[in-house]
C-alpha atoms as a PDB file:
ATOM      1  CA  MET A   1     181.005 -67.008 215.253  1.00  0.00           C
ATOM      2  CA  ARG A   2     177.442 -66.392 216.922  1.00  0.00           C
ATOM      3  CA  ALA A   3     176.373 -62.989 217.486  1.00  0.00           C
ATOM      4  CA  MET A   4     176.102 -61.788 221.427  1.00  0.00           C
ATOM      5  CA  GLN A   5     172.447 -60.395 222.198  1.00  0.00           C
ATOM      6  CA  ARG A   6     171.818 -57.492 224.311  1.00  0.00           C
ATOM      7  CA  LEU A   7     169.431 -58.700 226.992  1.00  0.00           C
ATOM      8  CA  SER A   8     167.215 -57.086 229.508  1.00  0.00           C
ATOM      9  CA  THR A   9     165.315 -57.613 232.659  1.00  0.00           C
ATOM     10  CA  ASP A  10     162.700 -55.350 233.845  1.00  0.00           C
ATOM     11  CA  ASP A  11     165.079 -52.483 234.843  1.00  0.00           C
ATOM     12  CA  LEU A  12     168.443 -54.098 233.682  1.00  0.00           C
ATOM     13  CA  LEU A  13     170.069 -53.747 230.517  1.00  0.00           C
ATOM     14  CA  LEU A  14     172.703 -56.263 229.293  1.00  0.00           C
ATOM     15  CA  GLU A  15     175.168 -54.645 226.591  1.00  0.00           C
ATOM     16  CA  PRO A  16     177.582 -57.019 224.830  1.00  0.00           C
ATOM     17  CA  LEU A  17     181.256 -55.396 226.116  1.00  0.00           C
ATOM     18  CA  VAL A  18     183.301 -53.460 223.446  1.00  0.00           C
ATOM     19  CA  ALA A  19     186.038 -51.616 223.739  1.00  0.00           C
ATOM     20  CA  GLY A  20     184.261 -48.674 224.112  1.00  0.00           C
ATOM     21  CA  HIS A  21     182.747 -49.219 227.252  1.00  0.00           C
ATOM     22  CA  ALA A  22     186.526 -48.742 228.688  1.00  0.00           C
ATOM     23  CA  GLU A  23     185.510 -44.851 229.839  1.00  0.00           C
ATOM     24  CA  ALA A  24     182.574 -45.361 231.473  1.00  0.00           C
ATOM     25  CA  MET A  25     183.635 -48.569 233.251  1.00  0.00           C
ATOM     26  CA  PHE A  26     186.898 -47.361 234.433  1.00  0.00           C
ATOM     27  CA  PRO A  27     186.067 -45.135 236.868  1.00  0.00           C
ATOM     28  CA  LEU A  28     183.982 -48.497 238.676  1.00  0.00           C
ATOM     29  CA  LEU A  29     186.754 -50.486 238.401  1.00  0.00           C
ATOM     30  CA  THR A  30     188.851 -48.115 240.034  1.00  0.00           C
ATOM     31  CA  GLU A  31     187.166 -49.138 243.724  1.00  0.00           C
ATOM     32  CA  SER A  32     189.771 -50.801 245.656  1.00  0.00           C
ATOM     33  CA  ALA A  33     187.086 -52.848 247.522  1.00  0.00           C
ATOM     34  CA  LEU A  34     185.960 -54.888 244.634  1.00  0.00           C
ATOM     35  CA  TYR A  35     189.455 -56.768 244.184  1.00  0.00           C
ATOM     36  CA  ARG A  36     188.730 -57.945 248.235  1.00  0.00           C
ATOM     37  CA  TRP A  37     187.593 -61.532 246.302  1.00  0.00           C
ATOM     38  CA  ILE A  38     188.847 -61.560 242.834  1.00  0.00           C
ATOM     39  CA  ASP A  39     192.711 -61.859 242.008  1.00  0.00           C
ATOM     40  CA  GLU A  40     193.329 -59.244 239.714  1.00  0.00           C
ATOM     41  CA  ALA A  41     193.941 -55.658 240.202  1.00  0.00           C
ATOM     42  CA  PRO A  42     192.078 -52.790 239.123  1.00  0.00           C
ATOM     43  CA  PRO A  43     193.026 -51.267 235.834  1.00  0.00           C
ATOM     44  CA  ALA A  44     196.065 -49.262 235.220  1.00  0.00           C
ATOM     45  CA  ASP A  45     194.541 -46.937 232.918  1.00  0.00           C
ATOM     46  CA  VAL A  46     191.627 -46.306 230.685  1.00  0.00           C
ATOM     47  CA  ASP A  47     194.029 -47.254 227.448  1.00  0.00           C
ATOM     48  CA  ARG A  48     194.835 -50.784 228.992  1.00  0.00           C
ATOM     49  CA  LEU A  49     191.263 -51.485 230.046  1.00  0.00           C
ATOM     50  CA  ARG A  50     190.201 -50.665 226.275  1.00  0.00           C
ATOM     51  CA  ALA A  51     192.799 -52.778 224.845  1.00  0.00           C
ATOM     52  CA  ARG A  52     191.770 -55.403 226.836  1.00  0.00           C
ATOM     53  CA  TYR A  53     187.713 -54.859 226.294  1.00  0.00           C
ATOM     54  CA  ALA A  54     189.142 -55.055 222.519  1.00  0.00           C
ATOM     55  CA  HIS A  55     190.398 -58.280 223.157  1.00  0.00           C
ATOM     56  CA  LEU A  56     187.601 -59.914 224.636  1.00  0.00           C
ATOM     57  CA  GLU A  57     185.258 -58.386 221.867  1.00  0.00           C
ATOM     58  CA  THR A  58     186.646 -61.139 219.715  1.00  0.00           C
ATOM     59  CA  ARG A  59     184.214 -63.563 221.688  1.00  0.00           C
ATOM     60  CA  THR A  60     185.958 -66.421 221.132  1.00  0.00           C
ATOM     61  CA  SER A  61     189.404 -68.047 222.173  1.00  0.00           C
ATOM     62  CA  GLY A  62     192.507 -68.308 219.957  1.00  0.00           C
ATOM     63  CA  ASP A  63     191.608 -71.936 219.221  1.00  0.00           C
ATOM     64  CA  GLY A  64     187.879 -71.473 218.798  1.00  0.00           C
ATOM     65  CA  ARG A  65     187.222 -73.729 221.217  1.00  0.00           C
ATOM     66  CA  GLN A  66     185.557 -71.390 223.919  1.00  0.00           C
ATOM     67  CA  HIS A  67     182.885 -68.685 223.336  1.00  0.00           C
ATOM     68  CA  TRP A  68     184.015 -65.550 225.645  1.00  0.00           C
ATOM     69  CA  LEU A  69     181.091 -63.355 226.455  1.00  0.00           C
ATOM     70  CA  ASN A  70     180.689 -60.205 228.681  1.00  0.00           C
ATOM     71  CA  TRP A  71     177.945 -57.928 229.052  1.00  0.00           C
ATOM     72  CA  VAL A  72     178.130 -54.335 230.762  1.00  0.00           C
ATOM     73  CA  VAL A  73     175.068 -53.961 233.126  1.00  0.00           C
ATOM     74  CA  ARG A  74     173.076 -50.551 233.594  1.00  0.00           C
ATOM     75  CA  ARG A  75     170.034 -49.412 233.764  1.00  0.00           C
ATOM     76  CA  SER A  76     168.781 -47.164 230.737  1.00  0.00           C
ATOM     77  CA  GLY A  77     170.343 -44.704 230.004  1.00  0.00           C
ATOM     78  CA  GLN A  78     172.888 -44.730 233.449  1.00  0.00           C
ATOM     79  CA  PRO A  79     176.212 -45.305 234.001  1.00  0.00           C
ATOM     80  CA  PRO A  80     177.606 -49.009 234.260  1.00  0.00           C
ATOM     81  CA  LEU A  81     176.652 -50.858 237.509  1.00  0.00           C
ATOM     82  CA  GLY A  82     179.036 -53.651 236.589  1.00  0.00           C
ATOM     83  CA  TYR A  83     179.438 -56.347 234.537  1.00  0.00           C
ATOM     84  CA  LEU A  84     178.807 -60.283 233.673  1.00  0.00           C
ATOM     85  CA  GLN A  85     181.204 -62.878 232.143  1.00  0.00           C
ATOM     86  CA  ALA A  86     180.727 -66.350 231.189  1.00  0.00           C
ATOM     87  CA  THR A  87     183.369 -68.586 229.540  1.00  0.00           C
ATOM     88  CA  VAL A  88     181.283 -71.135 227.386  1.00  0.00           C
ATOM     89  CA  LEU A  89     183.023 -74.328 226.884  1.00  0.00           C
ATOM     90  CA  GLU A  90     182.796 -77.060 223.949  1.00  0.00           C
ATOM     91  CA  ASP A  91     181.362 -79.546 226.486  1.00  0.00           C
ATOM     92  CA  GLY A  92     178.267 -77.932 227.416  1.00  0.00           C
ATOM     93  CA  SER A  93     179.486 -76.328 230.684  1.00  0.00           C
ATOM     94  CA  ALA A  94     180.003 -72.539 231.274  1.00  0.00           C
ATOM     95  CA  TRP A  95     182.229 -70.644 233.690  1.00  0.00           C
ATOM     96  CA  VAL A  96     180.190 -67.390 234.968  1.00  0.00           C
ATOM     97  CA  ALA A  97     181.255 -64.503 237.241  1.00  0.00           C
ATOM     98  CA  TYR A  98     179.802 -60.699 238.216  1.00  0.00           C
ATOM     99  CA  LEU A  99     180.822 -58.127 239.519  1.00  0.00           C
ATOM    100  CA  LEU A 100     179.061 -54.950 240.829  1.00  0.00           C
ATOM    101  CA  GLY A 101     180.389 -51.450 241.813  1.00  0.00           C
ATOM    102  CA  SER A 102     180.252 -50.980 245.633  1.00  0.00           C
ATOM    103  CA  ALA A 103     177.415 -48.732 245.475  1.00  0.00           C
ATOM    104  CA  HIS A 104     175.202 -51.128 243.411  1.00  0.00           C
ATOM    105  CA  GLN A 105     175.501 -54.641 245.954  1.00  0.00           C
ATOM    106  CA  GLY A 106     172.881 -55.820 247.855  1.00  0.00           C
ATOM    107  CA  GLN A 107     170.066 -54.304 245.965  1.00  0.00           C
ATOM    108  CA  GLY A 108     169.024 -57.537 243.951  1.00  0.00           C
ATOM    109  CA  ILE A 109     170.647 -56.346 240.345  1.00  0.00           C
ATOM    110  CA  ALA A 110     173.288 -59.097 240.698  1.00  0.00           C
ATOM    111  CA  THR A 111     171.070 -61.884 240.953  1.00  0.00           C
ATOM    112  CA  ARG A 112     168.244 -60.272 238.248  1.00  0.00           C
ATOM    113  CA  ALA A 113     170.843 -59.754 235.946  1.00  0.00           C
ATOM    114  CA  THR A 114     173.129 -62.936 236.596  1.00  0.00           C
ATOM    115  CA  ALA A 115     169.696 -64.909 236.314  1.00  0.00           C
ATOM    116  CA  ALA A 116     169.087 -63.481 232.920  1.00  0.00           C
ATOM    117  CA  MET A 117     172.627 -64.216 231.956  1.00  0.00           C
ATOM    118  CA  LEU A 118     172.596 -67.656 232.885  1.00  0.00           C
ATOM    119  CA  ALA A 119     169.159 -68.098 231.179  1.00  0.00           C
ATOM    120  CA  HIS A 120     170.687 -67.156 227.955  1.00  0.00           C
ATOM    121  CA  LEU A 121     173.468 -69.228 228.419  1.00  0.00           C
ATOM    122  CA  GLU A 122     171.168 -72.394 228.850  1.00  0.00           C
ATOM    123  CA  ALA A 123     168.698 -71.566 225.725  1.00  0.00           C
ATOM    124  CA  ALA A 124     171.446 -69.817 223.200  1.00  0.00           C
ATOM    125  CA  TYR A 125     174.652 -71.796 224.217  1.00  0.00           C
ATOM    126  CA  GLY A 126     173.300 -75.046 225.592  1.00  0.00           C
ATOM    127  CA  ALA A 127     174.898 -74.518 228.500  1.00  0.00           C
ATOM    128  CA  THR A 128     173.692 -77.980 230.570  1.00  0.00           C
ATOM    129  CA  ARG A 129     176.192 -77.045 233.370  1.00  0.00           C
ATOM    130  CA  LEU A 130     177.050 -74.016 234.873  1.00  0.00           C
ATOM    131  CA  LEU A 131     180.296 -73.340 237.106  1.00  0.00           C
ATOM    132  CA  ALA A 132     181.752 -70.356 239.491  1.00  0.00           C
ATOM    133  CA  ASN A 133     184.614 -70.564 241.543  1.00  0.00           C
ATOM    134  CA  VAL A 134     184.521 -67.884 244.617  1.00  0.00           C
ATOM    135  CA  GLU A 135     186.158 -67.064 247.332  1.00  0.00           C
ATOM    136  CA  ALA A 136     184.790 -69.186 250.590  1.00  0.00           C
ATOM    137  CA  GLN A 137     184.878 -66.258 252.484  1.00  0.00           C
ATOM    138  CA  ASN A 138     182.859 -64.110 249.949  1.00  0.00           C
ATOM    139  CA  ALA A 139     179.393 -65.071 251.528  1.00  0.00           C
ATOM    140  CA  PRO A 140     177.195 -62.457 249.365  1.00  0.00           C
ATOM    141  CA  SER A 141     178.486 -64.575 246.405  1.00  0.00           C
ATOM    142  CA  ILE A 142     177.722 -67.428 247.858  1.00  0.00           C
ATOM    143  CA  ARG A 143     174.245 -66.726 248.739  1.00  0.00           C
ATOM    144  CA  LEU A 144     173.860 -65.389 245.143  1.00  0.00           C
ATOM    145  CA  LEU A 145     175.298 -68.391 243.643  1.00  0.00           C
ATOM    146  CA  GLN A 146     172.586 -70.557 245.808  1.00  0.00           C
ATOM    147  CA  ARG A 147     170.002 -68.143 245.511  1.00  0.00           C
ATOM    148  CA  LEU A 148     170.263 -68.906 241.584  1.00  0.00           C
ATOM    149  CA  GLY A 149     170.632 -72.813 242.226  1.00  0.00           C
ATOM    150  CA  PHE A 150     173.763 -73.513 242.207  1.00  0.00           C
ATOM    151  CA  ARG A 151     175.517 -76.022 244.922  1.00  0.00           C
ATOM    152  CA  ALA A 152     178.662 -76.148 246.156  1.00  0.00           C
ATOM    153  CA  ALA A 153     180.620 -79.072 244.238  1.00  0.00           C
ATOM    154  CA  ASP A 154     181.882 -82.285 246.663  1.00  0.00           C
ATOM    155  CA  ALA A 155     185.677 -82.656 246.753  1.00  0.00           C
ATOM    156  CA  GLU A 156     185.981 -84.465 244.300  1.00  0.00           C
ATOM    157  CA  GLU A 157     184.411 -82.699 241.466  1.00  0.00           C
ATOM    158  CA  ALA A 158     186.186 -79.503 242.720  1.00  0.00           C
ATOM    159  CA  ALA A 159     189.344 -81.024 242.673  1.00  0.00           C
ATOM    160  CA  ARG A 160     189.094 -81.853 238.607  1.00  0.00           C
ATOM    161  CA  HIS A 161     188.743 -78.057 238.939  1.00  0.00           C
ATOM    162  CA  GLY A 162     192.253 -77.133 240.787  1.00  0.00           C
ATOM    163  CA  PRO A 163     190.571 -74.529 242.932  1.00  0.00           C
ATOM    164  CA  THR A 164     193.302 -72.601 245.652  1.00  0.00           C
ATOM    165  CA  ALA A 165     192.883 -73.771 249.502  1.00  0.00           C
ATOM    166  CA  SER A 166     190.422 -70.435 249.540  1.00  0.00           C
ATOM    167  CA  GLU A 167     188.474 -71.142 246.607  1.00  0.00           C
ATOM    168  CA  ARG A 168     184.933 -72.854 246.570  1.00  0.00           C
ATOM    169  CA  ILE A 169     183.609 -74.076 243.324  1.00  0.00           C
ATOM    170  CA  PHE A 170     180.133 -74.170 242.724  1.00  0.00           C
ATOM    171  CA  VAL A 171     177.668 -75.513 239.986  1.00  0.00           C
ATOM    172  CA  ARG A 172     174.347 -75.760 238.947  1.00  0.00           C
ATOM    173  CA  ASP A 173     173.506 -78.681 236.381  1.00  0.00           C
ATOM    174  CA  ARG A 174     170.563 -78.115 233.909  1.00  0.00           C
ATOM    175  CA  ARG A 175     168.993 -81.822 234.906  1.00  0.00           C
ATOM    176  CA  GLU A 176     168.885 -80.674 238.915  1.00  0.00           C
ATOM    177  CA  ARG A 177     166.777 -78.063 238.674  1.00  0.00           C
ATOM    178  CA  SER A 178     163.263 -78.292 239.110  1.00  0.00           C
ATOM    179  CA  GLY A 179     162.636 -74.336 238.174  1.00  0.00           C
ATOM    180  CA  ASP A 180     163.926 -71.149 238.551  1.00  0.00           C
ATOM    181  CA  ALA A 181     162.340 -68.000 239.813  1.00  0.00           C
ATOM    182  CA  ALA A 182     163.931 -65.815 237.414  1.00  0.00           C
ATOM    183  CA  ARG A 183     162.104 -65.024 233.509  1.00  0.00           C
ATOM    184  CA  PRO A 184     164.015 -66.085 230.831  1.00  0.00           C
ATOM    185  CA  PRO A 185     165.508 -63.040 229.306  1.00  0.00           C
ATOM    186  CA  VAL A 186     164.519 -60.529 227.068  1.00  0.00           C
ATOM    187  CA  PRO A 187     166.450 -60.152 224.117  1.00  0.00           C
ATOM    188  CA  ALA A 188     166.547 -55.868 223.868  1.00  0.00           C
ATOM    189  CA  SER A 189     166.453 -54.452 220.791  1.00  0.00           C
END
């Protein structure tokens, strides 16, 4: 198993998620507005969140065919702002997701943090195809994906991934990109 790296941007730290983050993340994740666009409920309590994080801390699926990568996003010495997730598959693709607390949205934080994660997935894991599943009405998330070079999947391609009627699949292929506005992530010591 490959060790996860801590990443950074000019002002953000992306720390590999561990069970010990549960206490700091719990207040942020209990904000009901965050669940408007995602198919899960807020964590019931800190102990259950800690258990979930402990499971994710294994970093791989039971069969070893998927890498589970999760980072807590924060500014140095500050409480968490949100998290990033990636599931890297054997075929070189990676599903990505992100969530920031409402107070931190609309400031470019998600764009910078996600760009760092995407660059890391390509450089460290050889990801050649990045995918995201987003609710069709979630305009801010769609704009974020488009800023990062994602395109809406065509109908045939989307159907292969089985989205619900209200979901859309977005894709970014390494070969389609002519360049990134974001700099590669800098591993943090």
